[in-house]
């Protein structure tokens, strides 16, 4: 089989006859209906006194260590002396060092509030006051991810360098008035010409008054910092869906600088088979499977052994990720190859890893996985890789046999644990996502040239004869245009609205963005 082939969940199902796996006829999903009542094990039936959260799901995967965003505030200023009968001072309410010092205290307080509000880790460095050349040099050389330049008065250009991202903050209603509220566009961005001449700042990097506008930009740059250079364990190698996705692993390395670690199935087998036979590991898996089934709104509708084996596979995956210091993992040929080795499917394993703060994706499809990594870090939530269907009448169905339960990053959504649909084997979650929840949906292209995104709303959790976790999403935007312009294959989804952050981050990566909800294109 070519490393670019996929089987099972990706719409190019190959014959199952070579899998040599006995069909469990009592598990057959007839017409998409639920299984017999004698097979269903609910939380209330097994453990009525269980807590709402099992400890295993509260413990993050050991290799998950998110990097804080380091922010450097810089204020530029000048103290000007009166000269009779001439223009001696520029715009701006800064006429003494006391004015500058008061402004610094105000900025420090505002940034402390922003840090407390952020759902991602921020480290704010001491504010730098810049008036003289040596102070500007210190600002240029300072190590930070993002510099926020408060253009009170003075010159802002001397503080800019190529070693960090920049925002320029200016005041209008929040006062006192800033000089660069007037001139950041004509003097800095355009250098007194009509066209843009500054390469280190764009109009999208200028913020007036509102710290919420600072926060969403920092959220995007936090996503960038943690996505670029991310390590990803690739069980069975890195791949991409279809002919269009053949270059996806190389484009992922080029655009996102990701380290894709090839982990052969032969190496996995050396670890997995002994683990399946180890009595202590088996006892651990039995205990955790029982605890998992004790969580409210959890129903088992497949063989218990499949779920227990999924916990063993999870343990092995986590050990590999920890040894390789990788926060993310993906599985190539995740139906035909892994089932005979794991004696279950990888679906529940990936769901468990995502719920514990890692990133775990099926199919090793690097046409879409980079979007999942970026959205995970931007949203600070698990993401759902899925197959889209044809958009129609303002709705699209998206589905896959693996989905996280903690879609909001905290709460376990209701789940039925069924067989993986195409193989009718193993353990796969049917997660019922929250009706009415606002979601961000991203459709990445194969060439990493322009992604499409839209805001949607969960309107139904159907149970059709398709991949188990399935939702109908109401599209906020032109449904017909989406059907016309769809690219790639797999999509990515997360709870919440992160369209602005995604487009902002993609621009800095040199990838275009079409926001269907706002009918707006941002070129790379």
Protein backbone atom coordinates (compact mmCIF):
# COMPACT_ATOMS: atom_id res chain seq x y z
CA UNK A 1 0.00 0.00 0.00
CA UNK A 2 1.27 3.48 -0.86
CA UNK A 3 1.98 5.71 2.06
CA UNK A 4 -0.50 8.14 0.52
CA UNK A 5 -3.37 5.66 0.57
CA UNK A 6 -6.06 5.85 3.22
CA UNK A 7 -8.69 3.40 4.19
CA UNK A 8 -11.81 3.63 6.25
CA UNK A 9 -12.85 7.06 7.40
CA UNK A 10 -11.61 9.18 4.54
CA UNK A 11 -14.03 8.35 1.77
CA UNK A 12 -11.80 5.89 -0.07
CA UNK A 13 -12.74 2.67 1.71
CA UNK A 14 -10.89 -0.40 0.53
CA UNK A 15 -12.09 -3.96 0.88
CA UNK A 16 -12.25 -5.26 4.42
CA UNK A 17 -11.84 -8.89 3.45
CA UNK A 18 -8.06 -8.84 4.02
CA UNK A 19 -8.34 -7.72 7.61
CA UNK A 20 -8.96 -11.26 8.94
CA UNK A 21 -11.14 -9.88 11.70
CA UNK A 22 -14.20 -11.81 12.71
CA UNK A 23 -17.38 -9.78 12.51
CA UNK A 24 -19.30 -9.41 15.75
CA UNK A 25 -22.73 -10.01 14.37
CA UNK A 26 -24.45 -8.97 17.56
CA UNK A 27 -22.82 -5.53 17.14
CA UNK A 28 -23.95 -4.96 13.58
CA UNK A 29 -25.46 -1.52 13.19
CA UNK A 30 -28.65 -2.29 11.31
CA UNK A 31 -30.07 0.76 9.60
CA UNK A 32 -28.23 3.07 11.97
CA UNK A 33 -30.41 2.02 14.91
CA UNK A 34 -29.19 1.69 18.48
CA UNK A 35 -28.04 -1.67 19.73
CA UNK A 36 -30.14 -3.96 21.89
CA UNK A 37 -30.79 -2.91 25.46
CA UNK A 38 -28.92 -5.93 26.77
CA UNK A 39 -25.70 -4.64 25.17
CA UNK A 40 -25.94 -1.06 26.41
CA UNK A 41 -24.04 -0.34 29.62
CA UNK A 42 -24.79 3.11 30.96
CA UNK A 43 -23.09 4.99 33.77
CA UNK A 44 -26.12 4.74 36.00
CA UNK A 45 -26.35 0.97 35.48
CA UNK A 46 -22.71 0.33 36.37
CA UNK A 47 -21.74 2.85 39.01
CA UNK A 48 -24.53 5.07 40.32
CA UNK A 49 -22.26 6.73 42.88
CA UNK A 50 -19.44 7.63 40.46
CA UNK A 51 -18.09 11.18 40.34
CA UNK A 52 -18.67 13.40 37.32
CA UNK A 53 -15.01 13.25 36.35
CA UNK A 54 -12.53 10.42 36.42
CA UNK A 55 -9.05 11.33 37.58
CA UNK A 56 -7.39 9.94 34.44
CA UNK A 57 -9.09 12.57 32.27
CA UNK A 58 -8.03 15.31 34.67
CA UNK A 59 -4.34 14.48 34.24
CA UNK A 60 -2.69 16.08 31.19
CA UNK A 61 -0.48 14.01 28.92
CA UNK A 62 3.06 14.37 30.29
CA UNK A 63 4.56 15.73 27.08
CA UNK A 64 2.07 18.61 26.86
CA UNK A 65 3.87 21.78 27.96
CA UNK A 66 2.50 24.88 26.30
CA UNK A 67 4.93 27.77 25.87
CA UNK A 68 3.94 31.14 27.33
CA UNK A 69 3.70 34.14 25.02
CA UNK A 70 6.32 36.69 26.08
CA UNK A 71 5.08 40.26 25.63
CA UNK A 72 7.28 43.37 25.78
CA UNK A 73 5.55 46.74 26.29
CA UNK A 74 7.43 49.75 24.88
CA UNK A 75 6.40 53.38 25.23
CA UNK A 76 7.99 55.99 22.99
CA UNK A 77 7.97 59.55 24.17
CA UNK A 78 9.62 62.94 23.97
CA UNK A 79 9.57 65.93 26.31
CA UNK A 80 9.41 69.11 24.24
CA UNK A 81 10.43 72.63 25.25
CA UNK A 82 8.61 75.78 24.27
CA UNK A 83 10.07 77.90 21.44
CA UNK A 84 8.37 81.16 20.84
CA UNK A 85 6.64 81.91 17.55
CA UNK A 86 7.14 78.40 16.09
CA UNK A 87 5.57 74.92 16.24
CA UNK A 88 7.50 73.34 19.04
CA UNK A 89 5.44 70.34 20.11
CA UNK A 90 3.64 67.47 18.29
CA UNK A 91 0.23 66.07 19.11
CA UNK A 92 -0.13 64.12 22.34
CA UNK A 93 -0.94 64.67 25.99
CA UNK A 94 2.58 64.13 27.33
CA UNK A 95 4.27 67.28 28.54
CA UNK A 96 6.39 66.08 31.47
CA UNK A 97 8.04 62.96 32.84
CA UNK A 98 5.23 62.80 35.35
CA UNK A 99 2.79 62.38 32.44
CA UNK A 100 4.95 59.56 31.01
CA UNK A 101 5.30 57.84 34.39
CA UNK A 102 1.55 58.00 34.98
CA UNK A 103 0.96 56.51 31.56
CA UNK A 104 3.37 53.66 32.33
CA UNK A 105 1.47 52.85 35.52
CA UNK A 106 -1.77 52.86 33.53
CA UNK A 107 -0.30 50.51 30.90
CA UNK A 108 1.01 48.13 33.57
CA UNK A 109 -2.43 47.97 35.17
CA UNK A 110 -4.14 47.40 31.82
CA UNK A 111 -1.74 44.60 30.88
CA UNK A 112 -2.21 42.95 34.28
CA UNK A 113 -5.96 42.89 33.62
CA UNK A 114 -5.40 41.51 30.13
CA UNK A 115 -3.15 38.76 31.49
CA UNK A 116 -5.78 37.78 34.07
CA UNK A 117 -8.45 37.65 31.36
CA UNK A 118 -6.43 35.53 28.91
CA UNK A 119 -7.12 31.79 28.85
CA UNK A 120 -3.58 31.15 27.64
CA UNK A 121 -0.28 31.82 29.46
CA UNK A 122 1.24 35.28 28.98
CA UNK A 123 4.47 36.63 30.45
CA UNK A 124 4.57 40.43 30.47
CA UNK A 125 8.06 41.96 30.69
CA UNK A 126 8.75 45.29 32.44
CA UNK A 127 7.81 48.27 30.31
CA UNK A 128 10.64 49.96 28.40
CA UNK A 129 10.63 53.76 28.12
CA UNK A 130 12.23 54.87 24.88
CA UNK A 131 13.34 58.41 24.13
CA UNK A 132 17.03 58.13 23.27
CA UNK A 133 18.94 56.01 20.74
CA UNK A 134 20.48 53.69 23.36
CA UNK A 135 17.00 52.99 24.79
CA UNK A 136 15.72 52.18 21.30
CA UNK A 137 18.64 49.79 20.79
CA UNK A 138 17.74 47.98 24.03
CA UNK A 139 14.14 47.64 22.82
CA UNK A 140 15.27 46.24 19.46
CA UNK A 141 17.51 43.65 21.08
CA UNK A 142 15.11 42.58 23.83
CA UNK A 143 14.00 38.95 23.61
CA UNK A 144 10.22 38.63 23.33
CA UNK A 145 7.61 37.10 21.08
CA UNK A 146 5.56 40.26 20.70
CA UNK A 147 6.32 43.91 21.37
CA UNK A 148 3.40 46.27 22.00
CA UNK A 149 4.58 49.73 21.00
CA UNK A 150 2.66 52.50 22.75
CA UNK A 151 3.19 55.40 20.37
CA UNK A 152 2.61 58.26 22.80
CA UNK A 153 5.00 60.75 21.21
CA UNK A 154 8.58 60.52 19.93
CA UNK A 155 9.68 58.13 17.16
CA UNK A 156 8.51 54.51 16.91
CA UNK A 157 10.64 53.32 13.97
CA UNK A 158 13.90 52.98 15.99
CA UNK A 159 12.37 50.31 18.27
CA UNK A 160 11.47 47.96 15.40
CA UNK A 161 13.59 44.94 14.45
CA UNK A 162 13.10 41.64 12.63
CA UNK A 163 13.32 39.39 15.68
CA UNK A 164 9.75 39.66 17.01
CA UNK A 165 6.15 40.45 16.11
CA UNK A 166 4.81 43.95 16.71
CA UNK A 167 1.56 45.65 17.65
CA UNK A 168 1.16 49.42 17.81
CA UNK A 169 -1.31 50.67 20.42
CA UNK A 170 -2.63 54.21 20.26
CA UNK A 171 -5.22 56.10 22.29
CA UNK A 172 -8.31 57.97 21.17
CA UNK A 173 -11.13 57.89 23.73
CA UNK A 174 -9.10 56.13 26.41
CA UNK A 175 -6.75 59.18 26.53
CA UNK A 176 -4.44 60.91 26.85
CA UNK A 177 -4.21 61.43 23.11
CA UNK A 178 -1.26 59.78 21.33
CA UNK A 179 0.75 61.37 18.54
CA UNK A 180 0.79 58.12 16.58
CA UNK A 181 -3.01 57.97 16.59
CA UNK A 182 -2.59 60.66 13.92
CA UNK A 183 0.44 59.52 11.95
CA UNK A 184 0.98 55.73 12.26
CA UNK A 185 -0.64 55.18 8.85
CA UNK A 186 0.87 57.94 6.65
CA UNK A 187 4.28 58.17 8.31
CA UNK A 188 5.08 54.63 9.45
CA UNK A 189 3.04 52.21 7.35
CA UNK A 190 3.32 54.23 4.11
CA UNK A 191 6.50 56.24 4.78
CA UNK A 192 4.71 59.34 3.34
CA UNK A 193 3.80 57.54 0.09
CA UNK A 194 0.46 56.17 -1.11
CA UNK A 195 1.45 52.50 -0.98
CA UNK A 196 2.61 50.47 2.01
CA UNK A 197 6.38 50.60 2.51
CA UNK A 198 6.72 49.07 6.01
CA UNK A 199 7.14 45.28 6.05
CA UNK A 200 7.16 44.71 9.83
CA UNK A 201 3.71 46.12 10.51
CA UNK A 202 0.37 46.05 8.69
CA UNK A 203 -2.89 47.92 9.34
CA UNK A 204 -4.12 44.74 11.06
CA UNK A 205 -1.36 45.21 13.68
CA UNK A 206 -2.61 48.62 14.86
CA UNK A 207 -5.00 48.77 17.83
CA UNK A 208 -6.92 51.84 19.01
CA UNK A 209 -8.06 51.94 22.66
CA UNK A 210 -9.53 48.42 22.98
CA UNK A 211 -7.64 45.75 24.89
CA UNK A 212 -10.02 43.07 23.64
CA UNK A 213 -8.51 43.80 20.23
CA UNK A 214 -5.05 43.32 21.72
CA UNK A 215 -6.12 40.06 23.36
CA UNK A 216 -7.40 38.32 20.24
CA UNK A 217 -4.23 39.25 18.36
CA UNK A 218 -2.08 37.91 21.20
CA UNK A 219 -4.21 34.75 21.17
CA UNK A 220 -3.39 34.30 17.49
CA UNK A 221 0.32 34.82 18.12
CA UNK A 222 0.24 32.39 21.04
CA UNK A 223 -1.24 29.89 18.59
CA UNK A 224 1.57 30.65 16.15
CA UNK A 225 4.32 30.33 18.75
CA UNK A 226 3.17 26.88 19.84
CA UNK A 227 2.24 25.60 16.36
CA UNK A 228 5.42 26.57 14.53
CA UNK A 229 8.03 23.91 15.25
CA UNK A 230 5.54 21.59 16.96
CA UNK A 231 6.66 17.96 17.27
CA UNK A 232 4.26 15.34 15.90
CA UNK A 233 4.66 11.57 16.28
CA UNK A 234 3.52 9.92 13.03
CA UNK A 235 2.62 6.28 13.63
CA UNK A 236 3.14 4.64 10.25
CA UNK A 237 4.61 7.83 8.76
CA UNK A 238 3.31 11.19 7.57
CA UNK A 239 0.91 11.35 4.65
CA UNK A 240 -1.77 13.43 2.95
CA UNK A 241 -5.21 12.68 1.56
CA UNK A 242 -5.58 11.97 -2.16
CA UNK A 243 -3.38 13.07 -5.01
CA UNK A 244 -3.67 16.69 -3.97
CA UNK A 245 -2.29 15.96 -0.52
CA UNK A 246 0.88 14.16 -1.57
CA UNK A 247 3.06 17.20 -0.82
CA UNK A 248 1.30 18.02 2.45
CA UNK A 249 3.99 16.67 4.82
CA UNK A 250 6.68 18.72 3.06
CA UNK A 251 4.48 21.82 3.00
CA UNK A 252 3.81 21.33 6.71
CA UNK A 253 7.55 21.33 7.36
CA UNK A 254 8.03 24.37 5.13
CA UNK A 255 5.18 26.56 6.39
CA UNK A 256 4.84 25.43 10.00
CA UNK A 257 8.39 24.16 10.56
CA UNK A 258 6.87 21.11 12.25
CA UNK A 259 9.03 18.17 13.23
CA UNK A 260 7.27 15.07 11.87
CA UNK A 261 8.70 12.05 13.68
CA UNK A 262 8.26 8.83 11.73
CA UNK A 263 7.38 5.98 14.11
CA UNK A 264 7.09 2.68 12.18
CA UNK A 265 4.38 0.16 12.97
CA UNK A 266 7.11 -2.42 13.53
CA UNK A 267 8.36 -0.36 16.49
CA UNK A 268 4.84 0.15 17.80
CA UNK A 269 4.23 -3.59 17.67
CA UNK A 270 7.27 -4.24 19.87
CA UNK A 271 5.69 -2.12 22.59
CA UNK A 272 2.03 -2.79 22.09
CA UNK A 273 1.90 -6.59 22.01
CA UNK A 274 3.72 -7.04 25.35
CA UNK A 275 1.51 -4.33 26.88
CA UNK A 276 -1.64 -6.18 25.82
CA UNK A 277 -0.33 -9.31 27.57
CA UNK A 278 0.95 -7.56 30.71
CA UNK A 279 -1.37 -8.41 33.62
CA UNK A 280 -0.62 -5.21 35.54
CA UNK A 281 -1.26 -3.01 32.52
CA UNK A 282 -4.42 -4.98 31.82
CA UNK A 283 -5.57 -4.42 35.41
CA UNK A 284 -4.88 -0.68 35.01
CA UNK A 285 -6.89 -0.59 31.76
CA UNK A 286 -9.81 -2.50 33.31
CA UNK A 287 -9.88 -0.06 36.23
CA UNK A 288 -9.83 3.02 34.00
CA UNK A 289 -12.39 1.65 31.56
CA UNK A 290 -14.74 1.02 34.49
CA UNK A 291 -14.16 4.53 35.80
CA UNK A 292 -14.74 6.00 32.35
CA UNK A 293 -18.03 4.16 32.05
CA UNK A 294 -18.94 5.54 35.47
CA UNK A 295 -18.95 9.10 34.13
CA UNK A 296 -22.54 10.34 33.66
CA UNK A 297 -23.89 10.33 30.10
CA UNK A 298 -21.50 7.55 29.06
CA UNK A 299 -22.92 4.45 27.36
CA UNK A 300 -21.06 1.38 26.12
CA UNK A 301 -22.59 -0.26 23.04
CA UNK A 302 -19.69 -2.44 21.98
CA UNK A 303 -17.56 -5.07 23.69
CA UNK A 304 -15.94 -3.96 26.93
CA UNK A 305 -12.62 -5.49 25.86
CA UNK A 306 -12.42 -3.02 22.95
CA UNK A 307 -12.57 -0.12 25.39
CA UNK A 308 -10.02 -1.73 27.71
CA UNK A 309 -7.65 -2.27 24.79
CA UNK A 310 -8.14 1.37 23.81
CA UNK A 311 -6.83 2.39 27.23
CA UNK A 312 -3.79 0.17 26.74
CA UNK A 313 -3.15 1.72 23.33
CA UNK A 314 -3.52 5.16 24.92
CA UNK A 315 -0.92 4.29 27.51
CA UNK A 316 1.53 3.12 24.84
CA UNK A 317 0.95 6.22 22.73
CA UNK A 318 1.53 8.47 25.71
CA UNK A 319 4.78 6.69 26.57
CA UNK A 320 6.01 7.23 23.00
CA UNK A 321 4.98 10.89 23.04
CA UNK A 322 6.71 11.45 26.38
CA UNK A 323 9.94 9.79 25.24
CA UNK A 324 9.98 11.91 22.07
CA UNK A 325 8.85 15.05 23.91
CA UNK A 326 5.95 15.50 21.49
CA UNK A 327 2.55 17.00 22.39
CA UNK A 328 0.89 15.55 19.29
CA UNK A 329 0.40 12.21 17.56
CA UNK A 330 -1.28 10.90 14.43
CA UNK A 331 -1.98 7.43 13.04
CA UNK A 332 -1.55 6.48 9.39
CA UNK A 333 -3.69 3.68 7.92
CA UNK A 334 -5.55 3.85 11.19
CA UNK A 335 -8.09 1.15 10.31
CA UNK A 336 -6.42 -1.64 8.39
CA UNK A 337 -2.99 -1.59 10.04
CA UNK A 338 -3.59 -0.81 13.68
CA UNK A 339 -6.68 -2.96 14.32
CA UNK A 340 -4.92 -6.37 14.14
CA UNK A 341 -2.14 -5.09 16.40
CA UNK A 342 -4.25 -3.27 18.99
CA UNK A 343 -7.29 -5.59 18.93
CA UNK A 344 -9.38 -2.43 18.83
CA UNK A 345 -9.55 0.74 16.78
CA UNK A 346 -7.60 3.91 17.54
CA UNK A 347 -10.77 6.02 17.72
CA UNK A 348 -11.27 5.98 21.51
CA UNK A 349 -7.54 6.31 22.11
CA UNK A 350 -7.39 9.53 20.10
CA UNK A 351 -10.49 10.83 21.87
CA UNK A 352 -8.92 10.17 25.29
CA UNK A 353 -5.64 11.85 24.37
CA UNK A 354 -7.43 14.95 23.10
CA UNK A 355 -9.48 15.16 26.28
CA UNK A 356 -6.22 15.13 28.25
CA UNK A 357 -4.78 18.16 26.51
CA UNK A 358 -2.73 16.49 23.77
CA UNK A 359 -3.41 16.65 20.04
CA UNK A 360 -4.28 13.30 18.50
CA UNK A 361 -5.43 12.88 14.91
CA UNK A 362 -6.43 9.96 12.73
CA UNK A 363 -5.29 9.30 9.16
CA UNK A 364 -1.98 11.23 9.34
CA UNK A 365 -3.44 13.71 6.84
CA UNK A 366 -1.12 16.69 6.86
CA UNK A 367 -3.31 18.58 4.45
CA UNK A 368 -5.53 19.26 7.49
CA UNK A 369 -3.53 18.48 10.65
CA UNK A 370 -1.65 21.82 10.70
CA UNK A 371 -5.02 23.59 10.89
CA UNK A 372 -5.89 21.42 13.89
CA UNK A 373 -2.66 22.26 15.69
CA UNK A 374 -3.13 25.99 15.04
CA UNK A 375 -6.80 25.97 16.11
CA UNK A 376 -6.02 23.92 19.22
CA UNK A 377 -3.51 26.48 20.43
CA UNK A 378 -5.60 29.49 19.40
CA UNK A 379 -8.74 28.19 21.13
CA UNK A 380 -7.05 26.37 24.04
CA UNK A 381 -9.57 23.60 23.34
CA UNK A 382 -9.63 20.20 21.63
CA UNK A 383 -10.45 20.19 17.94
CA UNK A 384 -12.48 17.80 15.77
CA UNK A 385 -10.99 16.51 12.49
CA UNK A 386 -13.84 15.38 10.28
CA UNK A 387 -15.16 14.52 6.85
CA UNK A 388 -17.42 17.21 5.39
CA UNK A 389 -20.46 16.47 3.25
CA UNK A 390 -22.12 18.63 0.59
CA UNK A 391 -23.31 22.00 1.94
CA UNK A 392 -27.00 22.55 1.20
CA UNK A 393 -29.84 24.79 2.40
CA UNK A 394 -27.49 26.52 4.83
CA UNK A 395 -26.42 23.31 6.59
CA UNK A 396 -23.52 20.86 6.32
CA UNK A 397 -23.02 17.52 8.09
CA UNK A 398 -19.53 16.83 9.42
CA UNK A 399 -18.57 13.46 10.85
CA UNK A 400 -15.76 11.16 11.95
CA UNK A 401 -15.38 8.12 14.17
CA UNK A 402 -13.14 9.94 16.61
CA UNK A 403 -14.02 13.10 18.49
CA UNK A 404 -13.02 14.64 21.81
CA UNK A 405 -15.65 14.86 24.54
CA UNK A 406 -14.20 17.99 26.19
CA UNK A 407 -15.00 20.19 23.21
CA UNK A 408 -15.16 23.26 25.44
CA UNK A 409 -11.93 22.23 27.15
CA UNK A 410 -13.69 21.44 30.42
CA UNK A 411 -16.98 19.57 30.20
CA UNK A 412 -17.44 15.99 29.03
CA UNK A 413 -20.18 15.88 26.42
CA UNK A 414 -22.53 12.85 26.34
CA UNK A 415 -21.11 9.86 24.49
CA UNK A 416 -22.15 6.46 23.18
CA UNK A 417 -19.21 4.11 22.63
CA UNK A 418 -19.95 2.10 19.50
CA UNK A 419 -17.94 0.20 16.94
CA UNK A 420 -15.97 2.10 14.34
CA UNK A 421 -18.52 2.45 11.54
CA UNK A 422 -16.76 1.14 8.43
CA UNK A 423 -15.16 -1.86 10.11
CA UNK A 424 -17.99 -2.46 12.62
CA UNK A 425 -15.23 -3.29 15.09
CA UNK A 426 -13.50 -1.80 18.08
CA UNK A 427 -14.54 1.25 20.11
CA UNK A 428 -15.46 4.65 18.68
CA UNK A 429 -17.17 7.57 20.40
CA UNK A 430 -20.41 9.09 19.20
CA UNK A 431 -20.10 12.44 20.94
CA UNK A 432 -23.30 14.47 21.12
CA UNK A 433 -22.13 18.04 20.79
CA UNK A 434 -23.95 20.91 22.44
CA UNK A 435 -26.97 22.10 20.47
CA UNK A 436 -26.74 25.81 19.80
CA UNK A 437 -22.96 25.92 20.31
CA UNK A 438 -21.12 28.42 18.09
CA UNK A 439 -18.24 26.73 16.25
CA UNK A 440 -15.38 27.68 13.96
CA UNK A 441 -14.98 25.47 10.89
CA UNK A 442 -11.87 25.55 8.67
CA UNK A 443 -11.40 23.99 5.24
CA UNK A 444 -7.65 23.95 4.38
CA UNK A 445 -6.50 23.62 0.79
CA UNK A 446 -3.95 21.05 -0.38
CA UNK A 447 -1.41 23.66 -1.52
CA UNK A 448 -1.34 25.79 1.69
CA UNK A 449 -2.27 28.82 -0.44
CA UNK A 450 -5.66 29.83 0.93
CA UNK A 451 -7.86 28.31 3.63
CA UNK A 452 -11.61 28.84 3.95
CA UNK A 453 -13.32 29.36 7.29
CA UNK A 454 -16.79 30.10 8.59
CA UNK A 455 -18.71 30.46 11.82
CA UNK A 456 -21.46 27.92 12.38
CA UNK A 457 -23.90 26.63 14.94
CA UNK A 458 -24.53 23.04 16.02
CA UNK A 459 -28.17 22.29 15.20
CA UNK A 460 -28.38 18.46 15.39
CA UNK A 461 -26.60 15.26 16.43
CA UNK A 462 -28.01 12.78 13.88
CA UNK A 463 -27.35 9.03 13.86
CA UNK A 464 -26.99 8.13 10.22
CA UNK A 465 -25.02 5.22 8.80
CA UNK A 466 -21.85 7.28 8.61
CA UNK A 467 -18.93 7.96 10.94
CA UNK A 468 -20.10 7.87 14.55
CA UNK A 469 -19.54 11.42 15.81
CA UNK A 470 -21.73 13.44 13.48
CA UNK A 471 -23.27 16.87 13.68
CA UNK A 472 -25.29 19.15 11.46
CA UNK A 473 -23.82 22.65 11.39
CA UNK A 474 -25.78 25.70 10.33
CA UNK A 475 -23.50 27.79 8.09
CA UNK A 476 -23.22 31.50 8.79
CA UNK A 477 -22.38 32.70 5.31
CA UNK A 478 -23.15 31.95 1.68
CA UNK A 479 -23.78 28.20 1.55
CA UNK A 480 -23.75 28.12 -2.26
CA UNK A 481 -20.41 29.92 -2.38
CA UNK A 482 -18.99 27.38 0.09
CA UNK A 483 -20.19 24.54 -2.14
CA UNK A 484 -18.60 26.29 -5.12
CA UNK A 485 -15.25 27.07 -3.47
CA UNK A 486 -14.58 24.05 -1.23
CA UNK A 487 -10.95 22.86 -1.35
CA UNK A 488 -8.92 19.97 0.09
CA UNK A 489 -10.90 17.23 1.79
CA UNK A 490 -10.89 16.98 5.60
CA UNK A 491 -12.07 19.93 7.67
CA UNK A 492 -11.30 21.04 11.24
CA UNK A 493 -13.74 22.36 13.84
CA UNK A 494 -13.65 23.74 17.37
CA UNK A 495 -16.11 25.30 19.79
CA UNK A 496 -16.19 29.12 19.79
CA UNK A 497 -15.60 31.86 17.22
CA UNK A 498 -11.91 32.15 16.28
CA UNK A 499 -12.17 33.40 12.70
CA UNK A 500 -10.28 36.64 13.36
CA UNK A 501 -7.44 34.88 15.15
CA UNK A 502 -7.08 32.20 12.48
CA UNK A 503 -6.94 34.68 9.60
CA UNK A 504 -4.48 36.90 11.47
CA UNK A 505 -2.15 33.97 12.20
CA UNK A 506 -2.32 32.63 8.64
CA UNK A 507 -1.27 35.97 7.19
CA UNK A 508 1.93 35.79 9.24
CA UNK A 509 2.55 32.29 7.88
CA UNK A 510 2.11 33.39 4.27
CA UNK A 511 -1.20 31.52 3.82
CA UNK A 512 -4.27 33.28 2.43
CA UNK A 513 -7.64 33.23 4.19
CA UNK A 514 -11.23 33.53 3.00
CA UNK A 515 -13.68 34.29 5.80
CA UNK A 516 -17.00 33.07 4.41
CA UNK A 517 -18.99 34.50 7.31
CA UNK A 518 -17.74 38.04 6.65
CA UNK A 519 -17.17 37.47 2.90
CA UNK A 520 -13.65 38.76 3.33
CA UNK A 521 -10.36 37.60 1.82
CA UNK A 522 -6.97 38.17 3.41
CA UNK A 523 -4.20 37.53 0.94
CA UNK A 524 -0.96 35.91 2.07
